[in-house]
Amino acid sequence: MARTRSGLGPIRARLRELETLASEAPAAPEWAPAFQPADVSIIAEVKRRSPSAGDIAPRLDPATLARSYAAGGARAISVLTEGPHFGGSLADLEAVRRSVSVPVLRKDFIVDPAQVIESRAAGASAILLIARALPGALLGELARLARDMGLAILVEVHRLEELDPAIAVAPDAIGVNSRDLETFHVDVAGIEKLLARIPSNIVAVAESGLSTRADVDLVAGWGADAVLIGTALAATADPAAAVRALTGCSRRSRG
């Protein structure tokens, strides 16, 4: 987070340019229709590395990988655009946007309005906002700006006390991350109660620690409408087949 904030200067300096680019950018594919079917939607992630796993697919081609994901049935693509720790960039997102017709989520440490505008200019359909990283009124401020820009919002939570602030900004989706971002410890069972508390009009997304069809079916039973899977898909030799193997799990009602 500190490194992200220290690098905001060049983005803020381009604010007027980014505003123009965002206003002129073509409409991105809508987020909501990807989560209306009766089965659990797969959000497949373009991910080179992570602090917890190290190198995952350092030489991946984002456009090729995204096309494979979409061919396998992914209903949305998540693109990690953070560079120092995840090896991503906005160029990755732009390449994915040009390559697929499904919605694209920008996954990054978004802490400033300029990054929201930058996301729209790059062609994102949605952005990730991490509740724990956005104290006070900042979460609401960024969510309102995203909505004004035509971006969908996925707010990520890990603890119960983060859920009410997430619900309060009326997001399109709430992602429940089974990984503690401080310790990297993964506790998939720990997300069951949080998923159950997400209102039925908000898409509930299970994140981290999922890799198999059995995992998808498990969180579907807890009320997940979608799953976001990165490492298990990006590292496989046949991403399309890997996504296809996860599709078709029926959604269950929640709450």
Protein backbone atom coordinates (compact mmCIF):
# COMPACT_ATOMS: atom_id res chain seq x y z
CA MET A 1 0.00 0.00 0.00
CA ALA A 2 2.81 2.42 0.86
CA ARG A 3 4.51 1.72 -2.44
CA THR A 4 1.27 2.30 -4.33
CA ARG A 5 0.72 5.63 -2.62
CA SER A 6 4.31 6.71 -3.26
CA GLY A 7 3.82 6.09 -6.98
CA LEU A 8 0.67 8.18 -7.41
CA GLY A 9 2.49 11.32 -8.54
CA PRO A 10 2.81 10.45 -12.24
CA ILE A 11 -0.82 9.26 -12.40
CA ARG A 12 -2.12 12.45 -10.77
CA ALA A 13 0.01 14.52 -13.14
CA ARG A 14 -1.85 12.93 -16.07
CA LEU A 15 -5.29 13.50 -14.57
CA ARG A 16 -6.63 15.79 -17.32
CA GLU A 17 -5.35 13.46 -20.01
CA LEU A 18 -6.88 10.45 -18.25
CA GLU A 19 -10.21 12.23 -17.90
CA THR A 20 -10.23 12.85 -21.64
CA LEU A 21 -9.27 9.27 -22.44
CA ALA A 22 -11.93 7.95 -20.07
CA SER A 23 -14.63 10.12 -21.60
CA GLU A 24 -13.69 8.95 -25.09
CA ALA A 25 -13.22 5.26 -24.26
CA PRO A 26 -15.75 2.86 -25.82
CA ALA A 27 -18.32 1.36 -23.49
CA ALA A 28 -16.91 -1.72 -21.78
CA PRO A 29 -18.88 -4.99 -21.59
CA GLU A 30 -21.42 -4.82 -18.76
CA TRP A 31 -20.55 -6.56 -15.51
CA ALA A 32 -23.99 -7.58 -14.25
CA PRO A 33 -25.07 -9.95 -17.07
CA ALA A 34 -22.06 -12.16 -16.38
CA PHE A 35 -23.59 -13.14 -13.03
CA GLN A 36 -27.22 -13.72 -13.94
CA PRO A 37 -27.13 -17.41 -15.00
CA ALA A 38 -28.20 -20.11 -12.56
CA ASP A 39 -24.73 -21.61 -12.24
CA VAL A 40 -21.66 -20.24 -10.47
CA SER A 41 -19.74 -17.77 -12.63
CA ILE A 42 -15.98 -18.21 -13.01
CA ILE A 43 -13.81 -15.09 -12.82
CA ALA A 44 -10.45 -16.25 -14.16
CA GLU A 45 -7.37 -14.23 -13.31
CA VAL A 46 -4.38 -13.14 -15.36
CA LYS A 47 -1.61 -13.40 -12.78
CA ARG A 48 2.17 -13.69 -13.23
CA ARG A 49 3.25 -13.95 -9.60
CA SER A 50 2.20 -13.10 -6.06
CA PRO A 51 3.90 -12.43 -2.71
CA SER A 52 2.50 -15.68 -1.31
CA ALA A 53 3.14 -18.02 -4.26
CA GLY A 54 6.15 -16.43 -5.97
CA ASP A 55 6.38 -16.98 -9.73
CA ILE A 56 3.22 -18.50 -11.19
CA ALA A 57 3.41 -17.83 -14.92
CA PRO A 58 6.09 -15.15 -15.43
CA ARG A 59 6.10 -15.45 -19.22
CA LEU A 60 2.35 -15.51 -19.80
CA ASP A 61 0.82 -13.58 -22.67
CA PRO A 62 -2.23 -11.81 -21.19
CA ALA A 63 -4.27 -11.72 -24.41
CA THR A 64 -3.70 -15.39 -25.20
CA LEU A 65 -4.45 -16.46 -21.64
CA ALA A 66 -7.63 -14.38 -21.51
CA ARG A 67 -8.88 -15.87 -24.78
CA SER A 68 -8.28 -19.34 -23.40
CA TYR A 69 -10.17 -18.48 -20.24
CA ALA A 70 -13.13 -17.15 -22.23
CA ALA A 71 -13.10 -20.19 -24.50
CA GLY A 72 -13.34 -22.40 -21.41
CA GLY A 73 -16.39 -20.54 -20.13
CA ALA A 74 -15.04 -17.80 -17.86
CA ARG A 75 -17.70 -15.10 -17.56
CA ALA A 76 -15.24 -12.40 -16.51
CA ILE A 77 -11.49 -11.89 -16.49
CA SER A 78 -9.58 -10.40 -13.56
CA VAL A 79 -6.29 -8.72 -14.46
CA LEU A 80 -3.68 -7.94 -11.83
CA THR A 81 -2.18 -4.62 -12.86
CA GLU A 82 0.11 -4.10 -9.84
CA GLY A 83 3.74 -4.28 -10.94
CA PRO A 84 6.24 -4.60 -8.07
CA HIS A 85 4.64 -7.57 -6.31
CA PHE A 86 2.42 -9.18 -8.96
CA GLY A 87 4.23 -8.44 -12.21
CA GLY A 88 1.23 -6.84 -13.85
CA SER A 89 0.55 -3.59 -15.68
CA LEU A 90 -2.23 -1.56 -17.25
CA ALA A 91 -0.87 -2.74 -20.60
CA ASP A 92 -1.95 -6.26 -19.56
CA LEU A 93 -5.48 -5.02 -18.94
CA GLU A 94 -5.59 -3.16 -22.24
CA ALA A 95 -4.39 -6.26 -24.09
CA VAL A 96 -7.08 -8.38 -22.42
CA ARG A 97 -9.77 -5.82 -23.14
CA ARG A 98 -8.92 -5.96 -26.86
CA SER A 99 -8.95 -9.76 -26.86
CA VAL A 100 -12.20 -10.80 -25.18
CA SER A 101 -15.83 -9.73 -25.08
CA VAL A 102 -16.45 -10.60 -21.42
CA PRO A 103 -16.13 -8.02 -18.60
CA VAL A 104 -12.65 -7.25 -17.29
CA LEU A 105 -11.94 -6.50 -13.62
CA ARG A 106 -8.95 -4.35 -12.71
CA LYS A 107 -7.39 -5.89 -9.61
CA ASP A 108 -4.93 -3.57 -7.90
CA PHE A 109 -4.42 -1.49 -4.78
CA ILE A 110 -6.75 1.33 -5.77
CA VAL A 111 -6.50 4.13 -3.24
CA ASP A 112 -6.90 7.33 -5.25
CA PRO A 113 -9.53 8.84 -7.58
CA ALA A 114 -6.97 9.14 -10.38
CA GLN A 115 -6.63 5.35 -10.44
CA VAL A 116 -10.39 4.99 -10.90
CA ILE A 117 -10.32 7.29 -13.91
CA GLU A 118 -7.24 5.48 -15.20
CA SER A 119 -9.15 2.18 -14.96
CA ARG A 120 -12.00 3.47 -17.10
CA ALA A 121 -9.56 4.88 -19.66
CA ALA A 122 -7.88 1.47 -19.91
CA GLY A 123 -11.16 -0.31 -20.67
CA ALA A 124 -12.04 -1.95 -17.36
CA SER A 125 -15.63 -2.96 -16.72
CA ALA A 126 -15.09 -3.12 -12.95
CA ILE A 127 -12.53 -2.32 -10.28
CA LEU A 128 -11.51 -3.96 -7.02
CA LEU A 129 -11.71 -1.91 -3.82
CA ILE A 130 -10.22 -3.53 -0.70
CA ALA A 131 -12.29 -2.52 2.32
CA ARG A 132 -9.45 -2.90 4.77
CA ALA A 133 -7.19 -0.63 2.73
CA LEU A 134 -9.70 2.23 2.43
CA PRO A 135 -10.44 3.75 5.84
CA GLY A 136 -13.08 6.29 6.73
CA ALA A 137 -14.94 7.89 3.86
CA LEU A 138 -12.43 6.91 1.18
CA LEU A 139 -14.19 3.65 0.27
CA GLY A 140 -17.44 5.50 -0.34
CA GLU A 141 -15.70 8.28 -2.29
CA LEU A 142 -14.01 5.86 -4.67
CA ALA A 143 -17.17 3.80 -5.05
CA ARG A 144 -19.22 6.87 -5.99
CA LEU A 145 -16.65 7.99 -8.52
CA ALA A 146 -16.48 4.51 -10.06
CA ARG A 147 -20.25 4.43 -10.39
CA ASP A 148 -20.24 7.89 -12.01
CA MET A 149 -17.61 6.63 -14.47
CA GLY A 150 -19.74 3.60 -15.41
CA LEU A 151 -17.53 1.09 -13.60
CA ALA A 152 -18.88 -1.79 -11.55
CA ILE A 153 -17.45 -2.23 -8.05
CA LEU A 154 -16.20 -5.38 -6.34
CA VAL A 155 -15.43 -4.67 -2.68
CA GLU A 156 -13.17 -7.23 -1.03
CA VAL A 157 -13.55 -8.20 2.63
CA HIS A 158 -11.86 -10.73 4.89
CA ARG A 159 -13.26 -10.00 8.35
CA LEU A 160 -16.79 -9.58 9.66
CA GLU A 161 -16.18 -5.95 10.69
CA GLU A 162 -15.38 -5.07 7.06
CA LEU A 163 -18.70 -6.35 5.74
CA ASP A 164 -21.06 -3.58 6.85
CA PRO A 165 -18.89 -0.79 5.39
CA ALA A 166 -18.71 -2.79 2.15
CA ILE A 167 -22.48 -3.22 1.98
CA ALA A 168 -22.98 0.47 2.76
CA VAL A 169 -21.40 1.60 -0.54
CA ALA A 170 -23.90 -0.51 -2.54
CA PRO A 171 -21.33 -2.47 -4.54
CA ASP A 172 -22.14 -4.67 -7.50
CA ALA A 173 -20.24 -7.52 -5.86
CA ILE A 174 -18.57 -8.38 -2.57
CA GLY A 175 -15.56 -10.65 -2.69
CA VAL A 176 -14.82 -12.67 0.45
CA ASN A 177 -11.12 -13.41 0.53
CA SER A 178 -10.14 -16.53 2.45
CA ARG A 179 -6.53 -15.30 2.53
CA ASP A 180 -5.48 -13.02 5.39
CA LEU A 181 -3.52 -10.28 3.61
CA GLU A 182 -1.23 -9.80 6.62
CA THR A 183 -0.23 -13.41 7.23
CA PHE A 184 -1.10 -15.01 3.83
CA HIS A 185 -2.85 -17.78 5.79
CA VAL A 186 -5.77 -19.27 3.85
CA ASP A 187 -8.90 -20.45 5.67
CA VAL A 188 -11.59 -21.36 3.15
CA ALA A 189 -13.96 -22.57 5.85
CA GLY A 190 -13.75 -19.14 7.45
CA ILE A 191 -15.63 -17.47 4.61
CA GLU A 192 -18.85 -19.47 5.05
CA LYS A 193 -20.45 -17.12 7.58
CA LEU A 194 -19.44 -14.02 5.65
CA LEU A 195 -20.90 -15.30 2.38
CA ALA A 196 -24.19 -16.04 4.13
CA ARG A 197 -24.45 -12.42 5.32
CA ILE A 198 -24.14 -10.82 1.88
CA PRO A 199 -27.52 -9.47 0.73
CA SER A 200 -29.10 -11.41 -2.12
CA ASN A 201 -29.07 -8.38 -4.44
CA ILE A 202 -25.24 -8.21 -4.32
CA VAL A 203 -23.12 -10.77 -6.15
CA ALA A 204 -21.14 -12.84 -3.63
CA VAL A 205 -17.68 -13.87 -4.84
CA ALA A 206 -15.47 -16.44 -3.10
CA GLU A 207 -11.76 -15.67 -3.45
CA SER A 208 -8.45 -17.48 -2.78
CA GLY A 209 -7.66 -21.07 -1.94
CA LEU A 210 -9.96 -22.52 -4.61
CA SER A 211 -8.75 -24.78 -7.38
CA THR A 212 -11.13 -27.71 -8.02
CA ARG A 213 -14.72 -28.36 -9.02
CA ALA A 214 -15.30 -29.66 -5.49
CA ASP A 215 -14.10 -26.31 -4.11
CA VAL A 216 -16.53 -24.43 -6.35
CA ASP A 217 -19.40 -26.68 -5.32
CA LEU A 218 -18.49 -26.21 -1.65
CA VAL A 219 -18.65 -22.40 -1.75
CA ALA A 220 -21.76 -22.54 -3.93
CA GLY A 221 -23.41 -24.38 -1.06
CA TRP A 222 -22.49 -21.45 1.18
CA GLY A 223 -24.14 -18.99 -1.21
CA ALA A 224 -21.34 -17.93 -3.55
CA ASP A 225 -22.60 -16.65 -6.90
CA ALA A 226 -19.11 -16.57 -8.40
CA VAL A 227 -15.54 -17.62 -7.69
CA LEU A 228 -12.34 -15.75 -8.51
CA ILE A 229 -9.48 -18.14 -9.26
CA GLY A 230 -5.98 -17.10 -10.25
CA THR A 231 -3.01 -19.29 -9.37
CA ALA A 232 -4.63 -22.64 -10.19
CA LEU A 233 -5.67 -21.42 -13.66
CA ALA A 234 -2.72 -19.24 -14.68
CA ALA A 235 -0.24 -22.03 -13.85
CA THR A 236 -1.95 -24.77 -15.86
CA ALA A 237 -0.86 -25.96 -19.29
CA ASP A 238 -4.43 -25.91 -20.64
CA PRO A 239 -6.29 -22.92 -19.19
CA ALA A 240 -9.43 -23.43 -21.28
CA ALA A 241 -9.83 -27.00 -20.07
CA ALA A 242 -9.06 -25.96 -16.49
CA VAL A 243 -11.82 -23.33 -16.54
CA ARG A 244 -14.25 -25.70 -18.26
CA ALA A 245 -13.73 -28.25 -15.48
CA LEU A 246 -14.94 -25.68 -12.94
CA THR A 247 -18.12 -24.61 -14.70
CA GLY A 248 -21.67 -25.85 -14.23
CA CYS A 249 -22.01 -25.79 -10.43
CA SER A 250 -25.53 -24.75 -9.49
CA ARG A 251 -26.01 -21.63 -7.40
CA ARG A 252 -27.96 -21.87 -4.15
CA SER A 253 -30.04 -19.18 -2.50
CA ARG A 254 -28.54 -17.17 0.31
CA GLY A 255 -29.94 -15.74 3.51
